N, C-alpha and C. Protein backbone atom coordinates (compact mmCIF):
# COMPACT_ATOMS: atom_id res chain seq x y z
N UNK A 1 0.04 -23.87 -13.90
CA UNK A 1 0.76 -22.74 -14.72
C UNK A 1 1.83 -22.54 -13.64
N UNK A 2 3.11 -22.53 -14.17
CA UNK A 2 4.21 -22.48 -13.08
C UNK A 2 4.43 -20.89 -12.76
N UNK A 3 5.10 -20.73 -11.65
CA UNK A 3 5.41 -19.37 -11.09
C UNK A 3 5.88 -18.53 -11.95
N UNK A 4 6.70 -19.05 -12.66
CA UNK A 4 7.50 -18.29 -13.85
C UNK A 4 6.93 -17.57 -15.05
N UNK A 5 5.43 -18.08 -15.26
CA UNK A 5 5.03 -17.62 -16.35
C UNK A 5 3.94 -16.44 -15.95
N UNK A 6 4.06 -16.33 -14.77
CA UNK A 6 3.21 -14.94 -13.99
C UNK A 6 4.08 -13.67 -14.11
N UNK A 7 3.33 -12.61 -14.06
CA UNK A 7 4.12 -11.60 -14.07
C UNK A 7 4.74 -11.19 -13.00
N UNK A 8 6.13 -10.69 -12.96
CA UNK A 8 6.63 -10.35 -11.83
C UNK A 8 6.05 -9.06 -11.03
N UNK A 9 6.54 -8.92 -9.77
CA UNK A 9 6.08 -7.61 -9.18
C UNK A 9 6.45 -6.39 -9.72
N UNK A 10 7.80 -6.37 -10.61
CA UNK A 10 8.27 -5.08 -11.17
C UNK A 10 7.25 -5.00 -12.51
N UNK A 11 6.99 -6.22 -13.29
CA UNK A 11 6.02 -5.95 -14.26
C UNK A 11 4.51 -5.50 -14.07
N UNK A 12 4.19 -6.11 -13.06
CA UNK A 12 2.77 -5.53 -12.14
C UNK A 12 3.01 -4.23 -11.84
N UNK A 13 3.92 -3.81 -11.39
CA UNK A 13 4.23 -2.11 -10.98
C UNK A 13 4.40 -1.44 -12.26
N UNK A 14 5.07 -1.87 -13.07
CA UNK A 14 5.08 -1.08 -14.58
C UNK A 14 3.62 -1.03 -15.46
N UNK A 15 3.07 -2.10 -15.44
CA UNK A 15 1.75 -2.34 -15.88
C UNK A 15 0.98 -1.26 -15.18
N UNK A 16 0.62 -1.25 -13.99
CA UNK A 16 -0.26 -0.36 -12.99
C UNK A 16 0.28 1.27 -13.36
N UNK A 17 1.66 1.65 -13.22
CA UNK A 17 2.18 2.96 -13.60
C UNK A 17 1.63 3.38 -14.99
N UNK A 18 1.86 2.47 -15.86
CA UNK A 18 1.46 2.70 -17.47
C UNK A 18 -0.11 3.08 -17.43
N UNK A 19 -0.75 2.04 -16.69
CA UNK A 19 -2.25 2.31 -16.62
C UNK A 19 -2.64 3.80 -16.15
N UNK A 20 -2.11 3.96 -15.02
CA UNK A 20 -2.63 5.10 -14.34
C UNK A 20 -1.94 6.46 -14.97
N UNK A 21 -0.99 6.35 -15.89
CA UNK A 21 -0.26 7.61 -16.41
C UNK A 21 -1.30 8.68 -16.38
N UNK A 22 -0.87 9.90 -16.11
CA UNK A 22 -1.63 10.91 -16.26
C UNK A 22 -2.77 11.34 -15.28
N UNK A 23 -3.16 10.22 -14.47
CA UNK A 23 -4.02 10.52 -13.45
C UNK A 23 -3.68 10.79 -12.21
N UNK A 24 -4.31 11.77 -11.71
CA UNK A 24 -3.83 12.37 -10.28
C UNK A 24 -4.97 12.00 -9.17
N UNK A 25 -4.59 12.12 -7.90
CA UNK A 25 -5.27 11.85 -6.81
C UNK A 25 -6.17 13.18 -6.71
N UNK A 26 -6.96 12.98 -5.39
CA UNK A 26 -7.64 14.54 -5.22
C UNK A 26 -7.06 15.52 -4.66
N UNK A 27 -5.78 15.42 -4.16
CA UNK A 27 -4.58 16.22 -3.72
C UNK A 27 -3.72 16.70 -5.05
N UNK A 28 -4.26 16.08 -6.21
CA UNK A 28 -3.59 16.60 -7.30
C UNK A 28 -1.85 15.95 -7.73
N UNK A 29 -1.54 15.00 -6.75
CA UNK A 29 -0.64 14.05 -6.93
C UNK A 29 -0.44 12.94 -7.89
N UNK A 30 0.41 12.57 -8.57
CA UNK A 30 0.46 11.48 -9.63
C UNK A 30 -0.26 10.29 -9.03
N UNK A 31 -1.09 9.56 -9.60
CA UNK A 31 -1.62 8.53 -8.86
C UNK A 31 -0.82 7.61 -8.59
N UNK A 32 0.17 7.37 -9.18
CA UNK A 32 1.12 6.14 -9.10
C UNK A 32 1.78 6.26 -7.62
N UNK A 33 1.76 7.38 -6.84
CA UNK A 33 2.15 7.40 -5.75
C UNK A 33 1.32 6.64 -4.66
N UNK A 34 0.05 6.96 -4.93
CA UNK A 34 -0.83 6.19 -4.11
C UNK A 34 -0.82 4.74 -4.31
N UNK A 35 -0.49 4.28 -5.42
CA UNK A 35 -0.48 2.79 -5.62
C UNK A 35 0.69 2.42 -5.08
N UNK A 36 1.79 3.18 -5.14
CA UNK A 36 3.34 2.64 -4.43
C UNK A 36 2.97 2.60 -3.15
N UNK A 37 2.30 3.55 -2.42
CA UNK A 37 2.14 3.78 -0.89
C UNK A 37 1.55 2.53 -0.36
N UNK A 38 0.37 2.14 -1.08
CA UNK A 38 -0.52 1.19 -0.66
C UNK A 38 0.22 -0.34 -0.77
N UNK A 39 1.15 -0.10 -1.91
CA UNK A 39 1.91 -1.45 -2.17
C UNK A 39 3.22 -1.63 -0.91
N UNK A 40 3.49 -0.57 -0.78
CA UNK A 40 4.54 -0.34 0.54
C UNK A 40 3.96 -0.78 1.67
N UNK A 41 2.91 -0.25 2.00
CA UNK A 41 2.00 -0.77 3.26
C UNK A 41 1.40 -2.11 3.33
N UNK A 42 1.36 -2.96 2.24
CA UNK A 42 0.95 -4.08 2.05
C UNK A 42 2.21 -4.96 2.71
N UNK A 43 3.19 -4.49 2.12
CA UNK A 43 4.70 -5.08 2.54
C UNK A 43 4.88 -5.00 3.92
N UNK A 44 4.83 -3.78 4.41
CA UNK A 44 5.18 -3.49 5.77
C UNK A 44 4.09 -4.03 6.72
N UNK A 45 2.85 -4.62 6.46
CA UNK A 45 1.84 -5.24 7.03
C UNK A 45 2.09 -6.71 7.10
N UNK A 46 3.09 -7.15 6.24
CA UNK A 46 3.30 -8.74 6.19
C UNK A 46 2.77 -9.27 5.08
N UNK A 47 2.35 -8.61 4.01
CA UNK A 47 1.77 -9.21 2.82
C UNK A 47 2.71 -9.99 1.93
N UNK A 48 2.14 -10.86 1.38
CA UNK A 48 2.93 -11.56 0.33
C UNK A 48 3.12 -10.93 -1.06
N UNK A 49 3.63 -11.58 -1.92
CA UNK A 49 3.83 -11.08 -3.19
C UNK A 49 2.40 -10.93 -3.98
N UNK A 50 1.64 -11.95 -3.98
CA UNK A 50 -0.01 -11.68 -4.41
C UNK A 50 -0.72 -10.64 -3.94
N UNK A 51 -0.39 -10.38 -2.59
CA UNK A 51 -1.15 -9.04 -1.97
C UNK A 51 -0.37 -7.88 -2.77
N UNK A 52 0.91 -7.75 -2.78
CA UNK A 52 1.32 -6.63 -3.13
C UNK A 52 1.05 -6.50 -4.78
N UNK A 53 1.12 -7.48 -5.50
CA UNK A 53 0.53 -7.45 -6.77
C UNK A 53 -0.90 -6.61 -6.69
N UNK A 54 -1.71 -7.19 -6.03
CA UNK A 54 -3.13 -6.58 -5.93
C UNK A 54 -3.06 -5.10 -5.54
N UNK A 55 -2.29 -4.70 -4.70
CA UNK A 55 -2.10 -3.44 -4.11
C UNK A 55 -1.87 -2.66 -5.51
N UNK A 56 -1.04 -2.92 -6.17
CA UNK A 56 -0.65 -2.01 -7.31
C UNK A 56 -1.67 -1.96 -8.17
N UNK A 57 -2.74 -2.97 -8.33
CA UNK A 57 -3.64 -3.05 -9.17
C UNK A 57 -5.19 -2.58 -8.65
N UNK A 58 -5.12 -2.46 -7.13
CA UNK A 58 -6.23 -2.19 -6.60
C UNK A 58 -7.32 -1.24 -7.06
N UNK A 59 -6.87 -0.44 -7.82
CA UNK A 59 -7.92 0.73 -8.29
C UNK A 59 -7.97 0.63 -10.00
N UNK A 60 -7.23 -0.19 -10.40
CA UNK A 60 -6.93 -0.45 -12.03
C UNK A 60 -8.48 -0.47 -12.68
N UNK A 61 -9.32 -1.55 -12.27
CA UNK A 61 -10.54 -1.97 -12.91
C UNK A 61 -11.50 -0.84 -12.40
N UNK A 62 -11.48 -0.38 -11.10
CA UNK A 62 -12.66 0.57 -10.72
C UNK A 62 -12.43 1.93 -11.62
N UNK A 63 -11.03 2.26 -11.69
CA UNK A 63 -10.80 3.29 -12.34
C UNK A 63 -10.79 3.42 -13.70
N UNK A 64 -11.42 2.21 -14.60
CA UNK A 64 -11.17 2.08 -15.91
C UNK A 64 -9.70 2.07 -16.43
N UNK A 65 -8.81 2.01 -15.63
CA UNK A 65 -7.45 2.07 -16.23
C UNK A 65 -7.03 0.90 -16.83
N UNK A 66 -7.59 -0.28 -16.48
CA UNK A 66 -7.45 -1.62 -16.97
C UNK A 66 -9.05 -2.46 -17.08
N UNK A 67 -9.04 -3.09 -17.95
CA UNK A 67 -10.51 -3.84 -18.16
C UNK A 67 -10.50 -5.06 -17.22
N UNK A 68 -11.85 -5.45 -16.70
CA UNK A 68 -11.95 -6.75 -16.24
C UNK A 68 -11.53 -7.74 -17.03
N UNK A 69 -11.60 -7.53 -18.52
CA UNK A 69 -11.17 -8.65 -19.24
C UNK A 69 -9.63 -8.72 -19.12
N UNK A 70 -8.90 -7.54 -19.17
CA UNK A 70 -7.51 -7.48 -19.08
C UNK A 70 -7.25 -8.41 -17.72
N UNK A 71 -7.93 -8.18 -16.68
CA UNK A 71 -7.48 -8.93 -15.29
C UNK A 71 -7.59 -10.27 -15.55
N UNK A 72 -8.95 -10.69 -16.30
CA UNK A 72 -9.12 -12.10 -16.30
C UNK A 72 -8.02 -12.82 -17.08
N UNK A 73 -7.62 -12.29 -18.30
CA UNK A 73 -6.49 -12.68 -19.11
C UNK A 73 -4.94 -12.70 -18.64
N UNK A 74 -4.92 -11.87 -17.42
CA UNK A 74 -3.41 -11.49 -17.09
C UNK A 74 -2.90 -12.44 -16.50
N UNK A 75 -1.59 -12.54 -16.77
CA UNK A 75 -0.48 -13.92 -15.91
C UNK A 75 -0.35 -13.58 -14.68
N UNK A 76 -1.60 -13.41 -13.90
CA UNK A 76 -1.49 -13.45 -12.54
C UNK A 76 -2.21 -14.61 -11.84
N UNK A 77 -1.76 -14.77 -10.33
CA UNK A 77 -2.62 -15.80 -9.56
C UNK A 77 -3.97 -15.40 -9.54
N UNK A 78 -4.87 -16.69 -9.25
CA UNK A 78 -6.28 -16.59 -9.01
C UNK A 78 -6.26 -15.72 -7.74
N UNK A 79 -5.50 -15.76 -6.67
CA UNK A 79 -5.76 -15.08 -5.52
C UNK A 79 -5.44 -13.71 -5.59
N UNK A 80 -4.41 -13.41 -6.54
CA UNK A 80 -4.24 -11.80 -6.72
C UNK A 80 -5.60 -11.10 -7.46
N UNK A 81 -6.06 -11.81 -8.48
CA UNK A 81 -7.26 -11.50 -9.31
C UNK A 81 -8.36 -11.43 -8.42
N UNK A 82 -8.50 -12.55 -7.64
CA UNK A 82 -9.89 -12.47 -6.57
C UNK A 82 -9.63 -11.23 -5.70
N UNK A 83 -8.46 -10.70 -5.20
CA UNK A 83 -8.19 -9.56 -4.55
C UNK A 83 -8.56 -8.45 -5.06
N UNK A 84 -8.04 -8.21 -6.28
CA UNK A 84 -8.46 -7.24 -7.01
C UNK A 84 -9.94 -6.86 -7.14
N UNK A 85 -10.57 -8.01 -7.47
CA UNK A 85 -12.27 -7.99 -7.77
C UNK A 85 -12.68 -7.60 -6.40
N UNK A 86 -12.10 -7.94 -5.25
CA UNK A 86 -12.89 -7.88 -3.98
C UNK A 86 -12.97 -6.33 -3.56
N UNK A 87 -11.58 -5.67 -3.84
CA UNK A 87 -11.54 -4.23 -3.53
C UNK A 87 -12.07 -3.32 -4.72
N UNK A 88 -12.50 -3.94 -5.75
CA UNK A 88 -12.95 -2.94 -6.71
C UNK A 88 -14.65 -2.80 -6.46
N UNK A 89 -14.82 -1.47 -6.07
CA UNK A 89 -16.10 -1.12 -5.83
C UNK A 89 -16.90 -1.10 -6.99
N UNK A 90 -18.22 -1.58 -6.94
CA UNK A 90 -19.11 -1.64 -7.95
C UNK A 90 -20.18 -0.49 -7.93
N UNK A 91 -20.80 -0.17 -8.94
CA UNK A 91 -21.62 1.03 -9.10
C UNK A 91 -22.72 0.90 -8.04
N UNK A 92 -23.27 1.77 -7.43
CA UNK A 92 -24.44 1.66 -6.59
C UNK A 92 -24.45 0.60 -5.54
N UNK A 93 -23.18 -0.05 -5.13
CA UNK A 93 -22.85 -1.09 -4.01
C UNK A 93 -23.00 -0.51 -2.84
N UNK A 94 -23.82 -0.87 -1.99
CA UNK A 94 -23.79 -0.37 -0.60
C UNK A 94 -22.59 -0.94 0.10
N UNK A 95 -21.93 0.08 0.87
CA UNK A 95 -20.77 -0.15 1.54
C UNK A 95 -20.76 -1.48 2.28
N UNK A 96 -21.81 -1.78 3.15
CA UNK A 96 -21.70 -3.12 3.91
C UNK A 96 -21.52 -4.21 2.88
N UNK A 97 -22.00 -4.25 1.62
CA UNK A 97 -21.76 -5.65 0.55
C UNK A 97 -20.43 -5.33 0.33
N UNK A 98 -20.10 -4.27 0.01
CA UNK A 98 -18.40 -4.19 -0.40
C UNK A 98 -17.58 -4.63 0.53
N UNK A 99 -17.82 -4.05 1.91
CA UNK A 99 -17.15 -4.81 3.12
C UNK A 99 -17.09 -6.47 3.01
N UNK A 100 -18.49 -6.81 3.13
CA UNK A 100 -18.51 -8.06 3.05
C UNK A 100 -17.81 -8.98 2.01
N UNK A 101 -17.64 -8.37 0.89
CA UNK A 101 -16.98 -9.12 -0.14
C UNK A 101 -15.42 -9.08 0.17
N UNK A 102 -15.09 -7.86 0.51
CA UNK A 102 -13.62 -8.21 1.07
C UNK A 102 -13.18 -9.03 2.21
N UNK A 103 -14.08 -9.19 3.54
CA UNK A 103 -14.05 -9.80 4.54
C UNK A 103 -13.90 -11.48 3.98
N UNK A 104 -14.68 -11.70 2.83
CA UNK A 104 -14.93 -13.02 2.45
C UNK A 104 -13.89 -13.47 1.66
N UNK A 105 -12.95 -12.64 1.13
CA UNK A 105 -11.89 -12.94 0.23
C UNK A 105 -10.69 -12.96 0.84
N UNK A 106 -9.82 -14.00 0.72
CA UNK A 106 -8.69 -14.30 1.63
C UNK A 106 -7.48 -13.16 1.08
N UNK A 107 -6.81 -12.43 1.91
CA UNK A 107 -5.78 -11.58 1.50
C UNK A 107 -6.46 -10.31 1.12
N UNK A 108 -7.82 -9.97 0.97
CA UNK A 108 -8.22 -8.73 0.51
C UNK A 108 -7.94 -7.70 1.62
N UNK A 109 -8.37 -8.19 3.12
CA UNK A 109 -8.61 -7.31 4.09
C UNK A 109 -7.36 -6.46 3.97
N UNK A 110 -6.02 -6.83 4.14
CA UNK A 110 -4.98 -6.53 4.34
C UNK A 110 -4.46 -5.46 3.34
N UNK A 111 -4.80 -5.57 1.95
CA UNK A 111 -4.87 -4.59 0.81
C UNK A 111 -5.80 -3.46 1.08
N UNK A 112 -6.92 -3.51 1.55
CA UNK A 112 -8.00 -2.73 1.82
C UNK A 112 -7.51 -1.69 2.97
N UNK A 113 -6.80 -2.41 4.06
CA UNK A 113 -6.65 -1.56 5.07
C UNK A 113 -5.37 -0.75 4.88
N UNK A 114 -4.20 -1.18 3.93
CA UNK A 114 -3.26 -0.36 3.50
C UNK A 114 -3.86 0.65 2.76
N UNK A 115 -4.75 0.39 1.89
CA UNK A 115 -5.46 1.67 1.08
C UNK A 115 -6.16 2.52 1.98
N UNK A 116 -6.88 2.25 2.87
CA UNK A 116 -7.72 3.21 3.80
C UNK A 116 -6.55 4.01 4.66
N UNK A 117 -5.48 3.32 4.95
CA UNK A 117 -4.26 4.21 5.81
C UNK A 117 -3.90 5.12 5.09
N UNK A 118 -3.80 5.00 3.76
CA UNK A 118 -3.05 6.23 2.92
C UNK A 118 -4.38 7.03 2.40
N UNK A 119 -5.29 6.73 2.15
CA UNK A 119 -6.30 7.39 2.12
C UNK A 119 -6.75 8.35 3.11
N UNK A 120 -6.80 7.75 4.37
CA UNK A 120 -7.12 8.80 5.59
C UNK A 120 -5.80 9.34 6.23
N UNK A 121 -4.59 9.37 5.59
CA UNK A 121 -3.46 9.95 6.13
C UNK A 121 -3.54 11.68 6.23
N UNK A 122 -3.77 11.92 7.39
CA UNK A 122 -4.01 13.51 7.62
C UNK A 122 -3.08 14.41 6.75
N UNK A 123 -2.06 13.80 6.47
CA UNK A 123 -1.13 14.93 5.35
C UNK A 123 -1.59 14.96 4.20
N UNK A 124 -2.08 13.75 3.84
CA UNK A 124 -2.87 13.82 2.46
C UNK A 124 -4.29 14.76 2.52
N UNK A 125 -4.80 14.37 3.47
CA UNK A 125 -6.25 15.07 3.58
C UNK A 125 -6.26 16.45 3.91
N UNK A 126 -4.97 16.96 4.46
CA UNK A 126 -4.84 18.38 4.76
C UNK A 126 -4.87 19.28 3.62
N UNK A 127 -4.51 18.95 2.41
CA UNK A 127 -4.45 19.81 1.37
C UNK A 127 -5.98 20.02 0.82
N UNK A 128 -6.80 19.15 0.98
CA UNK A 128 -8.37 19.25 0.51
C UNK A 128 -9.04 20.16 1.49
N UNK A 129 -10.14 20.76 0.56
CA UNK A 129 -10.94 21.71 1.38
C UNK A 129 -11.68 21.05 2.57
N UNK A 130 -11.95 21.70 3.60
CA UNK A 130 -12.45 21.30 4.73
C UNK A 130 -13.89 20.31 4.67
N UNK A 131 -14.77 20.44 3.63
CA UNK A 131 -15.96 19.73 3.51
C UNK A 131 -15.40 18.49 2.96
N UNK A 132 -14.53 18.60 1.87
CA UNK A 132 -14.07 17.07 1.31
C UNK A 132 -13.33 16.44 2.27
N UNK A 133 -12.36 17.07 3.03
CA UNK A 133 -11.65 16.48 4.20
C UNK A 133 -12.47 15.83 5.10
N UNK A 134 -13.45 16.36 5.73
CA UNK A 134 -14.52 15.72 6.73
C UNK A 134 -15.36 14.68 5.82
N UNK A 135 -15.85 14.99 4.81
CA UNK A 135 -16.57 13.81 4.25
C UNK A 135 -15.92 12.54 3.96
N UNK A 136 -14.56 12.51 3.61
CA UNK A 136 -13.70 11.50 3.24
C UNK A 136 -13.26 10.82 4.57
N UNK A 137 -12.84 11.85 5.60
CA UNK A 137 -12.58 11.01 7.06
C UNK A 137 -13.74 10.35 7.37
N UNK A 138 -15.00 10.83 7.29
CA UNK A 138 -16.07 10.14 7.90
C UNK A 138 -16.29 8.82 6.92
N UNK A 139 -16.27 8.90 5.78
CA UNK A 139 -16.25 7.78 4.86
C UNK A 139 -15.32 6.88 5.07
N UNK A 140 -14.12 7.01 5.22
CA UNK A 140 -12.87 5.99 5.58
C UNK A 140 -13.29 5.31 6.83
N UNK A 141 -13.83 6.26 7.94
CA UNK A 141 -13.95 5.59 9.43
C UNK A 141 -14.95 4.59 9.41
N UNK A 142 -15.94 4.95 8.63
CA UNK A 142 -17.29 3.86 8.31
C UNK A 142 -16.99 2.65 7.57
N UNK A 143 -15.81 2.92 6.89
CA UNK A 143 -15.34 1.58 5.91
C UNK A 143 -14.64 0.74 6.98
N UNK A 144 -13.72 1.37 7.77
CA UNK A 144 -12.97 0.75 8.75
C UNK A 144 -13.67 -0.04 9.77
N UNK A 145 -14.92 0.59 10.23
CA UNK A 145 -15.61 -0.03 11.24
C UNK A 145 -16.26 -1.16 10.42
N UNK A 146 -16.82 -1.02 9.36
CA UNK A 146 -17.27 -2.22 8.76
C UNK A 146 -16.66 -3.47 8.49
N UNK A 147 -15.17 -3.03 8.34
CA UNK A 147 -14.13 -4.07 8.27
C UNK A 147 -13.61 -4.62 9.37
N UNK A 148 -14.18 -4.03 10.83
CA UNK A 148 -13.55 -4.60 11.94
C UNK A 148 -12.11 -4.05 12.28
N UNK A 149 -11.77 -2.93 11.54
CA UNK A 149 -10.68 -2.56 11.63
C UNK A 149 -10.18 -1.64 12.90
N UNK A 150 -9.41 -1.67 13.76
CA UNK A 150 -9.34 -0.51 14.64
C UNK A 150 -8.54 0.49 14.20
N UNK A 151 -8.81 1.73 14.95
CA UNK A 151 -8.24 3.03 14.30
C UNK A 151 -6.67 2.78 14.25
N UNK A 152 -6.03 3.35 13.05
CA UNK A 152 -4.65 3.54 13.05
C UNK A 152 -3.87 3.94 14.18
N UNK A 153 -2.69 3.32 14.98
CA UNK A 153 -2.00 4.00 15.82
C UNK A 153 -1.21 5.13 15.03
N UNK A 154 -1.23 6.45 16.15
CA UNK A 154 -0.48 7.55 15.91
C UNK A 154 0.67 7.76 16.12
């Protein structure tokens, strides 16, 4: 498969935005803002185009915005598909198994790191109620520990 037959980053972004249209995050913001921030976080951390594409799509299958079949048939690199699959949580999957799959998939850790960084952003969490904020903060800290990620610099 030649590179030109694959979706461009702009096409991947447009697909992700359309797939998540109408969805909001826990703070009530358009979900595409999260995807854009994660994609920018991957780029800022030195990620390549395959990882940036995966960042745009990282929640699409998990949120049923796009199907696993769509992902399989999409004009994306095998590595991008593998990263999306790696960061897609499965029903009743223990966090340790999820972290292990991310660590075993080349390129996936950087995408998950950018995702966790935005999810755990204090400004983003500040609008949530205290119980939810505390629960999510602890959840994200546990996942960072399982992935061997040091705390974000402040």
